Amino acid sequence: MSRSFRGITFVRGGIDEEFLQRKTLCIYVIASTKTSTIPGISLAGQVPLLTLFISTLDVEYLYYGTPVSFQ
């Protein structure tokens, strides 16, 4: 089920109502595609499957100062 708030449609995941009432400072939009898993197409890593996690790890680094998914 999707829902909208101030012109933004949330397709998946829950959103905290209190968070929605705050002034927005920054929004991160991340994505991965299976194209990155083609061997030799990406310089992001030697294991093509792991390139699917690069965008998540990048945002974690920006927000937390360190990747936290693999701890």
N, C-alpha and C. Protein backbone atom coordinates (compact mmCIF):
# COMPACT_ATOMS: atom_id res chain seq x y z
N MET A 1 0.84 -1.18 0.00
CA MET A 1 0.00 0.00 0.00
C MET A 1 0.88 1.24 0.00
N SER A 2 0.61 2.17 -0.88
CA SER A 2 1.38 3.41 -0.91
C SER A 2 0.57 4.53 -0.28
N ARG A 3 1.29 5.54 0.21
CA ARG A 3 0.61 6.71 0.73
C ARG A 3 1.41 7.94 0.40
N SER A 4 0.75 9.07 0.36
CA SER A 4 1.40 10.32 -0.03
C SER A 4 1.39 11.31 1.12
N PHE A 5 2.42 12.17 1.13
CA PHE A 5 2.51 13.25 2.10
C PHE A 5 3.24 14.39 1.43
N ARG A 6 2.61 15.54 1.35
CA ARG A 6 3.20 16.73 0.74
C ARG A 6 3.76 16.45 -0.65
N GLY A 7 3.05 15.69 -1.44
CA GLY A 7 3.46 15.43 -2.81
C GLY A 7 4.47 14.31 -2.98
N ILE A 8 4.90 13.69 -1.87
CA ILE A 8 5.85 12.58 -1.94
C ILE A 8 5.08 11.29 -1.70
N THR A 9 5.23 10.33 -2.60
CA THR A 9 4.55 9.05 -2.45
C THR A 9 5.52 8.02 -1.89
N PHE A 10 5.14 7.40 -0.79
CA PHE A 10 5.93 6.36 -0.17
C PHE A 10 5.38 5.02 -0.62
N VAL A 11 6.18 4.25 -1.34
CA VAL A 11 5.72 3.00 -1.90
C VAL A 11 5.96 1.84 -0.94
N ARG A 12 7.13 1.81 -0.31
CA ARG A 12 7.45 0.74 0.63
C ARG A 12 8.04 1.35 1.88
N GLY A 13 7.91 0.64 2.97
CA GLY A 13 8.52 1.07 4.22
C GLY A 13 7.63 2.00 5.01
N GLY A 14 7.88 2.03 6.29
CA GLY A 14 7.11 2.91 7.15
C GLY A 14 7.79 4.25 7.31
N ILE A 15 7.00 5.25 7.60
CA ILE A 15 7.53 6.59 7.84
C ILE A 15 6.98 7.07 9.17
N ASP A 16 7.84 7.58 9.99
CA ASP A 16 7.47 8.10 11.30
C ASP A 16 6.71 9.42 11.12
N GLU A 17 5.50 9.51 11.67
CA GLU A 17 4.67 10.72 11.53
C GLU A 17 5.38 11.94 12.09
N GLU A 18 6.07 11.80 13.22
CA GLU A 18 6.79 12.92 13.82
C GLU A 18 7.88 13.42 12.88
N PHE A 19 8.57 12.50 12.23
CA PHE A 19 9.61 12.87 11.28
C PHE A 19 9.04 13.71 10.14
N LEU A 20 7.85 13.35 9.66
CA LEU A 20 7.24 14.07 8.55
C LEU A 20 6.89 15.50 8.90
N GLN A 21 6.70 15.79 10.17
CA GLN A 21 6.34 17.14 10.60
C GLN A 21 7.56 18.06 10.73
N ARG A 22 8.74 17.49 10.75
CA ARG A 22 9.97 18.28 10.90
C ARG A 22 10.38 18.93 9.59
N LYS A 23 11.20 19.94 9.69
CA LYS A 23 11.76 20.59 8.50
C LYS A 23 12.82 19.67 7.91
N THR A 24 12.73 19.43 6.61
CA THR A 24 13.65 18.51 5.94
C THR A 24 15.00 19.18 5.70
N LEU A 25 16.06 18.51 6.10
CA LEU A 25 17.41 18.99 5.87
C LEU A 25 18.02 18.32 4.66
N CYS A 26 17.81 17.02 4.54
CA CYS A 26 18.43 16.28 3.45
C CYS A 26 17.65 14.99 3.21
N ILE A 27 17.55 14.60 1.95
CA ILE A 27 16.93 13.33 1.59
C ILE A 27 17.91 12.57 0.72
N TYR A 28 18.18 11.33 1.07
CA TYR A 28 19.05 10.47 0.27
C TYR A 28 18.18 9.52 -0.55
N VAL A 29 18.41 9.49 -1.84
CA VAL A 29 17.72 8.53 -2.71
C VAL A 29 18.80 7.62 -3.27
N ILE A 30 18.69 6.32 -2.99
CA ILE A 30 19.71 5.38 -3.43
C ILE A 30 19.08 4.28 -4.26
N ALA A 31 19.89 3.69 -5.10
CA ALA A 31 19.39 2.60 -5.95
C ALA A 31 20.55 1.73 -6.41
N SER A 32 20.21 0.53 -6.80
CA SER A 32 21.16 -0.40 -7.41
C SER A 32 20.46 -1.08 -8.57
N THR A 33 21.24 -1.55 -9.52
CA THR A 33 20.67 -2.32 -10.62
C THR A 33 21.49 -3.58 -10.83
N LYS A 34 20.89 -4.56 -11.44
CA LYS A 34 21.61 -5.81 -11.72
C LYS A 34 22.69 -5.61 -12.78
N THR A 35 22.65 -4.48 -13.48
CA THR A 35 23.70 -4.19 -14.47
C THR A 35 25.07 -4.20 -13.82
N SER A 36 25.15 -3.72 -12.58
CA SER A 36 26.45 -3.67 -11.89
C SER A 36 27.02 -5.05 -11.60
N THR A 37 26.20 -6.09 -11.70
CA THR A 37 26.70 -7.44 -11.42
C THR A 37 27.34 -8.11 -12.63
N ILE A 38 27.34 -7.44 -13.77
CA ILE A 38 28.01 -7.99 -14.95
C ILE A 38 29.51 -7.92 -14.72
N PRO A 39 30.21 -9.05 -14.75
CA PRO A 39 31.66 -9.06 -14.49
C PRO A 39 32.40 -8.09 -15.40
N GLY A 40 33.26 -7.26 -14.78
CA GLY A 40 34.10 -6.34 -15.53
C GLY A 40 33.45 -5.01 -15.88
N ILE A 41 32.17 -4.81 -15.55
CA ILE A 41 31.50 -3.57 -15.94
C ILE A 41 31.70 -2.46 -14.90
N SER A 42 31.99 -2.83 -13.66
CA SER A 42 32.12 -1.84 -12.59
C SER A 42 33.52 -1.89 -11.98
N LEU A 43 34.02 -0.72 -11.62
CA LEU A 43 35.30 -0.64 -10.92
C LEU A 43 35.10 -0.61 -9.40
N ALA A 44 33.85 -0.78 -8.97
CA ALA A 44 33.51 -0.65 -7.55
C ALA A 44 33.95 -1.84 -6.71
N GLY A 45 34.29 -2.93 -7.32
CA GLY A 45 34.71 -4.08 -6.54
C GLY A 45 35.00 -5.28 -7.40
N GLN A 46 35.72 -6.22 -6.84
CA GLN A 46 36.09 -7.41 -7.59
C GLN A 46 35.00 -8.48 -7.58
N VAL A 47 34.06 -8.39 -6.65
CA VAL A 47 32.96 -9.35 -6.58
C VAL A 47 31.70 -8.65 -7.09
N PRO A 48 31.27 -8.97 -8.32
CA PRO A 48 30.15 -8.25 -8.92
C PRO A 48 28.88 -8.20 -8.07
N LEU A 49 28.53 -9.27 -7.37
CA LEU A 49 27.31 -9.28 -6.56
C LEU A 49 27.36 -8.21 -5.46
N LEU A 50 28.54 -7.97 -4.91
CA LEU A 50 28.66 -6.99 -3.83
C LEU A 50 28.44 -5.55 -4.30
N THR A 51 28.52 -5.30 -5.61
CA THR A 51 28.27 -3.94 -6.10
C THR A 51 26.84 -3.50 -5.83
N LEU A 52 25.93 -4.43 -5.60
CA LEU A 52 24.55 -4.07 -5.27
C LEU A 52 24.46 -3.34 -3.93
N PHE A 53 25.47 -3.47 -3.09
CA PHE A 53 25.46 -2.84 -1.77
C PHE A 53 26.22 -1.52 -1.74
N ILE A 54 26.89 -1.15 -2.81
CA ILE A 54 27.74 0.04 -2.82
C ILE A 54 26.96 1.30 -2.47
N SER A 55 25.79 1.51 -3.08
CA SER A 55 25.04 2.74 -2.81
C SER A 55 24.59 2.81 -1.35
N THR A 56 24.18 1.69 -0.78
CA THR A 56 23.78 1.66 0.63
C THR A 56 24.96 2.00 1.52
N LEU A 57 26.10 1.40 1.26
CA LEU A 57 27.29 1.66 2.07
C LEU A 57 27.76 3.10 1.93
N ASP A 58 27.65 3.67 0.74
CA ASP A 58 28.03 5.07 0.54
C ASP A 58 27.18 6.00 1.39
N VAL A 59 25.87 5.78 1.41
CA VAL A 59 24.98 6.63 2.21
C VAL A 59 25.23 6.43 3.70
N GLU A 60 25.47 5.20 4.12
CA GLU A 60 25.79 4.97 5.52
C GLU A 60 27.07 5.72 5.91
N TYR A 61 28.04 5.72 5.04
CA TYR A 61 29.28 6.44 5.31
C TYR A 61 29.01 7.94 5.44
N LEU A 62 28.19 8.48 4.55
CA LEU A 62 27.87 9.91 4.61
C LEU A 62 27.10 10.26 5.88
N TYR A 63 26.15 9.42 6.26
CA TYR A 63 25.28 9.73 7.40
C TYR A 63 25.91 9.38 8.74
N TYR A 64 26.47 8.17 8.86
CA TYR A 64 27.00 7.69 10.13
C TYR A 64 28.51 7.90 10.28
N GLY A 65 29.20 8.14 9.16
CA GLY A 65 30.64 8.28 9.21
C GLY A 65 31.36 6.95 9.03
N THR A 66 30.60 5.87 8.94
CA THR A 66 31.15 4.54 8.72
C THR A 66 30.02 3.62 8.23
N PRO A 67 30.32 2.65 7.39
CA PRO A 67 29.28 1.70 7.00
C PRO A 67 28.83 0.87 8.21
N VAL A 68 27.54 0.65 8.36
CA VAL A 68 27.03 -0.10 9.51
C VAL A 68 26.32 -1.39 9.13
N SER A 69 26.04 -1.62 7.86
CA SER A 69 25.29 -2.81 7.43
C SER A 69 26.02 -4.11 7.69
N PHE A 70 27.32 -4.11 7.59
CA PHE A 70 28.09 -5.35 7.68
C PHE A 70 28.82 -5.49 9.01
N GLN A 71 28.33 -4.87 10.04
CA GLN A 71 28.98 -4.98 11.35
C GLN A 71 28.41 -6.12 12.13
